Amino acid sequence: MPDKFLEFFIFDKNQENMKTGDRVLIAPQVTGRADWTEATVIEVEKNPYVGIVITAKADDGEIFFEKEDMFKRLDNEVCTQ
């Protein structure tokens, strides 16, 4: 029982970090492009074999999915100093 609780807690923590509608950067290894690609998360899935899988739609309409470690969340904070 404690293992299930721990797994649920870890999944919920990751869900908080990335959710549908978030703006992200997708690694070039996923897209095959020269640089990181801006996109919007359209699905966050808990895959029992690989963990958290993110599906994101790039600004040009192309859809990519991969494990969450291939995505960087874009922060909307502005530095005022």
PDB file of N, CA and C in Angstrom:
ATOM      1  N   MET A   1       0.808  -1.203   0.000  1.00  0.00           N
ATOM      2  CA  MET A   1       0.000   0.000   0.000  1.00  0.00           C
ATOM      3  C   MET A   1       0.853   1.269   0.000  1.00  0.00           C
ATOM      4  N   PRO A   2       1.915   1.369   0.796  1.00  0.00           N
ATOM      5  CA  PRO A   2       2.741   2.582   0.772  1.00  0.00           C
ATOM      6  C   PRO A   2       3.355   2.860  -0.598  1.00  0.00           C
ATOM      7  N   ASP A   3       3.708   1.796  -1.357  1.00  0.00           N
ATOM      8  CA  ASP A   3       4.293   2.002  -2.677  1.00  0.00           C
ATOM      9  C   ASP A   3       3.307   2.686  -3.620  1.00  0.00           C
ATOM     10  N   LYS A   4       2.051   2.277  -3.579  1.00  0.00           N
ATOM     11  CA  LYS A   4       1.031   2.912  -4.410  1.00  0.00           C
ATOM     12  C   LYS A   4       0.864   4.387  -4.046  1.00  0.00           C
ATOM     13  N   PHE A   5       0.878   4.672  -2.743  1.00  0.00           N
ATOM     14  CA  PHE A   5       0.763   6.052  -2.295  1.00  0.00           C
ATOM     15  C   PHE A   5       1.926   6.879  -2.811  1.00  0.00           C
ATOM     16  N   LEU A   6       3.135   6.333  -2.712  1.00  0.00           N
ATOM     17  CA  LEU A   6       4.326   7.040  -3.178  1.00  0.00           C
ATOM     18  C   LEU A   6       4.250   7.281  -4.677  1.00  0.00           C
ATOM     19  N   GLU A   7       3.841   6.273  -5.435  1.00  0.00           N
ATOM     20  CA  GLU A   7       3.718   6.414  -6.886  1.00  0.00           C
ATOM     21  C   GLU A   7       2.704   7.503  -7.224  1.00  0.00           C
ATOM     22  N   PHE A   8       1.566   7.522  -6.532  1.00  0.00           N
ATOM     23  CA  PHE A   8       0.530   8.528  -6.764  1.00  0.00           C
ATOM     24  C   PHE A   8       1.054   9.920  -6.442  1.00  0.00           C
ATOM     25  N   PHE A   9       1.772  10.048  -5.339  1.00  0.00           N
ATOM     26  CA  PHE A   9       2.328  11.328  -4.929  1.00  0.00           C
ATOM     27  C   PHE A   9       3.319  11.848  -5.963  1.00  0.00           C
ATOM     28  N   ILE A  10       4.206  10.979  -6.446  1.00  0.00           N
ATOM     29  CA  ILE A  10       5.197  11.393  -7.452  1.00  0.00           C
ATOM     30  C   ILE A  10       4.494  11.820  -8.728  1.00  0.00           C
ATOM     31  N   PHE A  11       3.497  11.062  -9.161  1.00  0.00           N
ATOM     32  CA  PHE A  11       2.764  11.408 -10.375  1.00  0.00           C
ATOM     33  C   PHE A  11       2.075  12.753 -10.214  1.00  0.00           C
ATOM     34  N   ASP A  12       1.411  12.972  -9.080  1.00  0.00           N
ATOM     35  CA  ASP A  12       0.730  14.242  -8.865  1.00  0.00           C
ATOM     36  C   ASP A  12       1.710  15.407  -8.862  1.00  0.00           C
ATOM     37  N   LYS A  13       2.897  15.212  -8.272  1.00  0.00           N
ATOM     38  CA  LYS A  13       3.894  16.277  -8.257  1.00  0.00           C
ATOM     39  C   LYS A  13       4.321  16.625  -9.683  1.00  0.00           C
ATOM     40  N   ASN A  14       4.543  15.619 -10.525  1.00  0.00           N
ATOM     41  CA  ASN A  14       4.934  15.860 -11.913  1.00  0.00           C
ATOM     42  C   ASN A  14       3.801  16.523 -12.687  1.00  0.00           C
ATOM     43  N   GLN A  15       2.572  16.125 -12.408  1.00  0.00           N
ATOM     44  CA  GLN A  15       1.430  16.734 -13.069  1.00  0.00           C
ATOM     45  C   GLN A  15       1.390  18.235 -12.781  1.00  0.00           C
ATOM     46  N   GLU A  16       1.723  18.618 -11.547  1.00  0.00           N
ATOM     47  CA  GLU A  16       1.737  20.038 -11.195  1.00  0.00           C
ATOM     48  C   GLU A  16       2.755  20.790 -12.045  1.00  0.00           C
ATOM     49  N   ASN A  17       3.870  20.160 -12.328  1.00  0.00           N
ATOM     50  CA  ASN A  17       4.927  20.821 -13.063  1.00  0.00           C
ATOM     51  C   ASN A  17       4.560  21.062 -14.521  1.00  0.00           C
ATOM     52  N   MET A  18       3.847  20.158 -15.130  1.00  0.00           N
ATOM     53  CA  MET A  18       3.475  20.322 -16.519  1.00  0.00           C
ATOM     54  C   MET A  18       2.028  19.886 -16.696  1.00  0.00           C
ATOM     55  N   LYS A  19       1.221  20.764 -17.290  1.00  0.00           N
ATOM     56  CA  LYS A  19      -0.190  20.427 -17.482  1.00  0.00           C
ATOM     57  C   LYS A  19      -0.660  20.934 -18.840  1.00  0.00           C
ATOM     58  N   THR A  20      -1.810  20.478 -19.243  1.00  0.00           N
ATOM     59  CA  THR A  20      -2.393  20.881 -20.514  1.00  0.00           C
ATOM     60  C   THR A  20      -2.486  22.406 -20.582  1.00  0.00           C
ATOM     61  N   GLY A  21      -2.049  22.950 -21.704  1.00  0.00           N
ATOM     62  CA  GLY A  21      -2.076  24.398 -21.902  1.00  0.00           C
ATOM     63  C   GLY A  21      -0.766  25.089 -21.598  1.00  0.00           C
ATOM     64  N   ASP A  22       0.150  24.413 -20.889  1.00  0.00           N
ATOM     65  CA  ASP A  22       1.454  25.013 -20.583  1.00  0.00           C
ATOM     66  C   ASP A  22       2.274  25.203 -21.855  1.00  0.00           C
ATOM     67  N   ARG A  23       3.064  26.260 -21.868  1.00  0.00           N
ATOM     68  CA  ARG A  23       3.996  26.500 -22.973  1.00  0.00           C
ATOM     69  C   ARG A  23       5.309  25.812 -22.628  1.00  0.00           C
ATOM     70  N   VAL A  24       5.869  25.091 -23.602  1.00  0.00           N
ATOM     71  CA  VAL A  24       7.097  24.330 -23.388  1.00  0.00           C
ATOM     72  C   VAL A  24       8.039  24.479 -24.567  1.00  0.00           C
ATOM     73  N   LEU A  25       9.277  24.061 -24.321  1.00  0.00           N
ATOM     74  CA  LEU A  25      10.256  23.900 -25.391  1.00  0.00           C
ATOM     75  C   LEU A  25      10.475  22.407 -25.569  1.00  0.00           C
ATOM     76  N   ILE A  26      10.531  21.949 -26.815  1.00  0.00           N
ATOM     77  CA  ILE A  26      10.749  20.534 -27.114  1.00  0.00           C
ATOM     78  C   ILE A  26      12.181  20.355 -27.602  1.00  0.00           C
ATOM     79  N   ALA A  27      12.867  19.346 -27.064  1.00  0.00           N
ATOM     80  CA  ALA A  27      14.263  19.081 -27.408  1.00  0.00           C
ATOM     81  C   ALA A  27      14.425  18.753 -28.891  1.00  0.00           C
ATOM     82  N   PRO A  28      15.548  19.183 -29.479  1.00  0.00           N
ATOM     83  CA  PRO A  28      15.831  18.886 -30.883  1.00  0.00           C
ATOM     84  C   PRO A  28      15.880  17.387 -31.179  1.00  0.00           C
ATOM     85  N   GLN A  29      16.222  16.560 -30.193  1.00  0.00           N
ATOM     86  CA  GLN A  29      16.263  15.111 -30.393  1.00  0.00           C
ATOM     87  C   GLN A  29      14.877  14.549 -30.714  1.00  0.00           C
ATOM     88  N   VAL A  30      13.840  15.243 -30.267  1.00  0.00           N
ATOM     89  CA  VAL A  30      12.463  14.810 -30.513  1.00  0.00           C
ATOM     90  C   VAL A  30      11.979  15.312 -31.869  1.00  0.00           C
ATOM     91  N   THR A  31      12.265  16.579 -32.164  1.00  0.00           N
ATOM     92  CA  THR A  31      11.717  17.216 -33.369  1.00  0.00           C
ATOM     93  C   THR A  31      12.569  17.005 -34.613  1.00  0.00           C
ATOM     94  N   GLY A  32      13.854  16.746 -34.423  1.00  0.00           N
ATOM     95  CA  GLY A  32      14.752  16.645 -35.571  1.00  0.00           C
ATOM     96  C   GLY A  32      15.154  17.998 -36.126  1.00  0.00           C
ATOM     97  N   ARG A  33      14.813  19.054 -35.416  1.00  0.00           N
ATOM     98  CA  ARG A  33      15.152  20.412 -35.846  1.00  0.00           C
ATOM     99  C   ARG A  33      16.470  20.842 -35.212  1.00  0.00           C
ATOM    100  N   ALA A  34      17.019  21.934 -35.680  1.00  0.00           N
ATOM    101  CA  ALA A  34      18.325  22.402 -35.211  1.00  0.00           C
ATOM    102  C   ALA A  34      18.295  22.956 -33.788  1.00  0.00           C
ATOM    103  N   ASP A  35      17.151  23.505 -33.360  1.00  0.00           N
ATOM    104  CA  ASP A  35      17.071  24.149 -32.050  1.00  0.00           C
ATOM    105  C   ASP A  35      15.800  23.697 -31.331  1.00  0.00           C
ATOM    106  N   TRP A  36      15.672  24.096 -30.057  1.00  0.00           N
ATOM    107  CA  TRP A  36      14.478  23.792 -29.281  1.00  0.00           C
ATOM    108  C   TRP A  36      13.266  24.445 -29.949  1.00  0.00           C
ATOM    109  N   THR A  37      12.106  23.771 -29.900  1.00  0.00           N
ATOM    110  CA  THR A  37      10.893  24.226 -30.565  1.00  0.00           C
ATOM    111  C   THR A  37       9.834  24.601 -29.532  1.00  0.00           C
ATOM    112  N   GLU A  38       9.229  25.775 -29.682  1.00  0.00           N
ATOM    113  CA  GLU A  38       8.155  26.197 -28.780  1.00  0.00           C
ATOM    114  C   GLU A  38       6.869  25.460 -29.127  1.00  0.00           C
ATOM    115  N   ALA A  39       6.121  25.086 -28.071  1.00  0.00           N
ATOM    116  CA  ALA A  39       4.884  24.335 -28.273  1.00  0.00           C
ATOM    117  C   ALA A  39       3.962  24.517 -27.078  1.00  0.00           C
ATOM    118  N   THR A  40       2.749  23.963 -27.207  1.00  0.00           N
ATOM    119  CA  THR A  40       1.757  23.971 -26.139  1.00  0.00           C
ATOM    120  C   THR A  40       1.409  22.530 -25.789  1.00  0.00           C
ATOM    121  N   VAL A  41       1.417  22.220 -24.497  1.00  0.00           N
ATOM    122  CA  VAL A  41       1.079  20.870 -24.047  1.00  0.00           C
ATOM    123  C   VAL A  41      -0.394  20.608 -24.312  1.00  0.00           C
ATOM    124  N   ILE A  42      -0.692  19.467 -24.964  1.00  0.00           N
ATOM    125  CA  ILE A  42      -2.085  19.117 -25.222  1.00  0.00           C
ATOM    126  C   ILE A  42      -2.515  17.878 -24.439  1.00  0.00           C
ATOM    127  N   GLU A  43      -1.522  17.125 -23.881  1.00  0.00           N
ATOM    128  CA  GLU A  43      -1.870  15.963 -23.057  1.00  0.00           C
ATOM    129  C   GLU A  43      -0.705  15.584 -22.159  1.00  0.00           C
ATOM    130  N   VAL A  44      -1.028  15.185 -20.927  1.00  0.00           N
ATOM    131  CA  VAL A  44      -0.048  14.641 -19.994  1.00  0.00           C
ATOM    132  C   VAL A  44      -0.551  13.259 -19.620  1.00  0.00           C
ATOM    133  N   GLU A  45       0.250  12.231 -19.903  1.00  0.00           N
ATOM    134  CA  GLU A  45      -0.183  10.850 -19.704  1.00  0.00           C
ATOM    135  C   GLU A  45       0.766  10.103 -18.779  1.00  0.00           C
ATOM    136  N   LYS A  46       0.215   9.302 -17.892  1.00  0.00           N
ATOM    137  CA  LYS A  46       1.030   8.428 -17.046  1.00  0.00           C
ATOM    138  C   LYS A  46       1.118   7.073 -17.756  1.00  0.00           C
ATOM    139  N   ASN A  47       2.267   6.810 -18.342  1.00  0.00           N
ATOM    140  CA  ASN A  47       2.491   5.554 -19.042  1.00  0.00           C
ATOM    141  C   ASN A  47       3.132   4.562 -18.072  1.00  0.00           C
ATOM    142  N   PRO A  48       2.557   3.377 -17.896  1.00  0.00           N
ATOM    143  CA  PRO A  48       3.091   2.434 -16.915  1.00  0.00           C
ATOM    144  C   PRO A  48       4.474   1.897 -17.263  1.00  0.00           C
ATOM    145  N   TYR A  49       4.922   2.054 -18.491  1.00  0.00           N
ATOM    146  CA  TYR A  49       6.212   1.509 -18.917  1.00  0.00           C
ATOM    147  C   TYR A  49       7.336   2.535 -18.899  1.00  0.00           C
ATOM    148  N   VAL A  50       7.036   3.785 -19.246  1.00  0.00           N
ATOM    149  CA  VAL A  50       8.101   4.794 -19.341  1.00  0.00           C
ATOM    150  C   VAL A  50       7.920   5.980 -18.405  1.00  0.00           C
ATOM    151  N   GLY A  51       6.792   6.074 -17.738  1.00  0.00           N
ATOM    152  CA  GLY A  51       6.546   7.200 -16.837  1.00  0.00           C
ATOM    153  C   GLY A  51       5.650   8.242 -17.482  1.00  0.00           C
ATOM    154  N   ILE A  52       5.915   9.500 -17.208  1.00  0.00           N
ATOM    155  CA  ILE A  52       5.092  10.605 -17.720  1.00  0.00           C
ATOM    156  C   ILE A  52       5.460  10.885 -19.178  1.00  0.00           C
ATOM    157  N   VAL A  53       4.439  10.891 -20.041  1.00  0.00           N
ATOM    158  CA  VAL A  53       4.618  11.200 -21.462  1.00  0.00           C
ATOM    159  C   VAL A  53       3.857  12.489 -21.759  1.00  0.00           C
ATOM    160  N   ILE A  54       4.549  13.424 -22.391  1.00  0.00           N
ATOM    161  CA  ILE A  54       3.966  14.722 -22.756  1.00  0.00           C
ATOM    162  C   ILE A  54       3.683  14.721 -24.255  1.00  0.00           C
ATOM    163  N   THR A  55       2.498  15.177 -24.625  1.00  0.00           N
ATOM    164  CA  THR A  55       2.168  15.414 -26.028  1.00  0.00           C
ATOM    165  C   THR A  55       1.994  16.915 -26.187  1.00  0.00           C
ATOM    166  N   ALA A  56       2.705  17.488 -27.160  1.00  0.00           N
ATOM    167  CA  ALA A  56       2.659  18.938 -27.353  1.00  0.00           C
ATOM    168  C   ALA A  56       2.510  19.282 -28.828  1.00  0.00           C
ATOM    169  N   LYS A  57       1.816  20.367 -29.088  1.00  0.00           N
ATOM    170  CA  LYS A  57       1.604  20.854 -30.450  1.00  0.00           C
ATOM    171  C   LYS A  57       2.478  22.070 -30.677  1.00  0.00           C
ATOM    172  N   ALA A  58       3.394  21.963 -31.639  1.00  0.00           N
ATOM    173  CA  ALA A  58       4.289  23.072 -31.977  1.00  0.00           C
ATOM    174  C   ALA A  58       3.479  24.204 -32.599  1.00  0.00           C
ATOM    175  N   ASP A  59       4.065  25.387 -32.605  1.00  0.00           N
ATOM    176  CA  ASP A  59       3.379  26.560 -33.144  1.00  0.00           C
ATOM    177  C   ASP A  59       3.026  26.407 -34.625  1.00  0.00           C
ATOM    178  N   ASP A  60       3.758  25.545 -35.345  1.00  0.00           N
ATOM    179  CA  ASP A  60       3.456  25.319 -36.762  1.00  0.00           C
ATOM    180  C   ASP A  60       2.419  24.213 -36.967  1.00  0.00           C
ATOM    181  N   GLY A  61       1.884  23.648 -35.866  1.00  0.00           N
ATOM    182  CA  GLY A  61       0.825  22.649 -35.940  1.00  0.00           C
ATOM    183  C   GLY A  61       1.284  21.209 -35.825  1.00  0.00           C
ATOM    184  N   GLU A  62       2.581  20.967 -35.886  1.00  0.00           N
ATOM    185  CA  GLU A  62       3.100  19.604 -35.787  1.00  0.00           C
ATOM    186  C   GLU A  62       3.016  19.120 -34.344  1.00  0.00           C
ATOM    187  N   ILE A  63       2.648  17.842 -34.168  1.00  0.00           N
ATOM    188  CA  ILE A  63       2.478  17.271 -32.829  1.00  0.00           C
ATOM    189  C   ILE A  63       3.619  16.316 -32.520  1.00  0.00           C
ATOM    190  N   PHE A  64       4.151  16.438 -31.281  1.00  0.00           N
ATOM    191  CA  PHE A  64       5.251  15.597 -30.818  1.00  0.00           C
ATOM    192  C   PHE A  64       4.897  15.019 -29.459  1.00  0.00           C
ATOM    193  N   PHE A  65       5.389  13.794 -29.186  1.00  0.00           N
ATOM    194  CA  PHE A  65       5.224  13.229 -27.847  1.00  0.00           C
ATOM    195  C   PHE A  65       6.499  12.493 -27.457  1.00  0.00           C
ATOM    196  N   GLU A  66       6.785  12.533 -26.171  1.00  0.00           N
ATOM    197  CA  GLU A  66       8.002  11.903 -25.643  1.00  0.00           C
ATOM    198  C   GLU A  66       7.948  11.967 -24.120  1.00  0.00           C
ATOM    199  N   LYS A  67       8.911  11.296 -23.472  1.00  0.00           N
ATOM    200  CA  LYS A  67       9.008  11.364 -22.013  1.00  0.00           C
ATOM    201  C   LYS A  67       9.221  12.810 -21.591  1.00  0.00           C
ATOM    202  N   GLU A  68       8.770  13.127 -20.380  1.00  0.00           N
ATOM    203  CA  GLU A  68       8.762  14.514 -19.910  1.00  0.00           C
ATOM    204  C   GLU A  68      10.140  15.155 -19.837  1.00  0.00           C
ATOM    205  N   ASP A  69      11.201  14.353 -19.727  1.00  0.00           N
ATOM    206  CA  ASP A  69      12.537  14.952 -19.605  1.00  0.00           C
ATOM    207  C   ASP A  69      13.038  15.563 -20.910  1.00  0.00           C
ATOM    208  N   MET A  70      12.297  15.397 -22.005  1.00  0.00           N
ATOM    209  CA  MET A  70      12.665  15.985 -23.292  1.00  0.00           C
ATOM    210  C   MET A  70      11.962  17.327 -23.531  1.00  0.00           C
ATOM    211  N   PHE A  71      11.288  17.825 -22.492  1.00  0.00           N
ATOM    212  CA  PHE A  71      10.565  19.091 -22.561  1.00  0.00           C
ATOM    213  C   PHE A  71      11.055  20.022 -21.453  1.00  0.00           C
ATOM    214  N   LYS A  72      11.106  21.309 -21.761  1.00  0.00           N
ATOM    215  CA  LYS A  72      11.407  22.337 -20.762  1.00  0.00           C
ATOM    216  C   LYS A  72      10.202  23.251 -20.685  1.00  0.00           C
ATOM    217  N   ARG A  73       9.764  23.524 -19.482  1.00  0.00           N
ATOM    218  CA  ARG A  73       8.640  24.433 -19.299  1.00  0.00           C
ATOM    219  C   ARG A  73       9.113  25.867 -19.502  1.00  0.00           C
ATOM    220  N   LEU A  74       8.362  26.645 -20.264  1.00  0.00           N
ATOM    221  CA  LEU A  74       8.674  28.066 -20.456  1.00  0.00           C
ATOM    222  C   LEU A  74       8.096  28.845 -19.299  1.00  0.00           C
ATOM    223  N   ASP A  75       8.917  29.656 -18.659  1.00  0.00           N
ATOM    224  CA  ASP A  75       8.446  30.499 -17.562  1.00  0.00           C
ATOM    225  C   ASP A  75       7.971  31.829 -18.119  1.00  0.00           C
ATOM    226  N   ASN A  76       6.867  32.297 -17.601  1.00  0.00           N
ATOM    227  CA  ASN A  76       6.312  33.581 -18.048  1.00  0.00           C
ATOM    228  C   ASN A  76       6.733  34.732 -17.180  1.00  0.00           C
ATOM    229  N   GLU A  77       7.647  34.469 -16.240  1.00  0.00           N
ATOM    230  CA  GLU A  77       8.092  35.523 -15.340  1.00  0.00           C
ATOM    231  C   GLU A  77       9.040  36.476 -16.063  1.00  0.00           C
ATOM    232  N   VAL A  78       8.938  37.737 -15.712  1.00  0.00           N
ATOM    233  CA  VAL A  78       9.790  38.762 -16.320  1.00  0.00           C
ATOM    234  C   VAL A  78      10.728  39.302 -15.252  1.00  0.00           C
ATOM    235  N   CYS A  79      12.000  39.352 -15.568  1.00  0.00           N
ATOM    236  CA  CYS A  79      12.993  39.892 -14.630  1.00  0.00           C
ATOM    237  C   CYS A  79      12.969  41.420 -14.713  1.00  0.00           C
ATOM    238  N   THR A  80      12.819  42.079 -13.572  1.00  0.00           N
ATOM    239  CA  THR A  80      12.731  43.536 -13.588  1.00  0.00           C
ATOM    240  C   THR A  80      14.000  44.202 -13.082  1.00  0.00           C
ATOM    241  N   GLN A  81      15.047  43.415 -12.844  1.00  0.00           N
ATOM    242  CA  GLN A  81      16.292  44.006 -12.351  1.00  0.00           C
ATOM    243  C   GLN A  81      17.311  44.125 -13.449  1.00  0.00           C
TER     244      GLN A  81
END
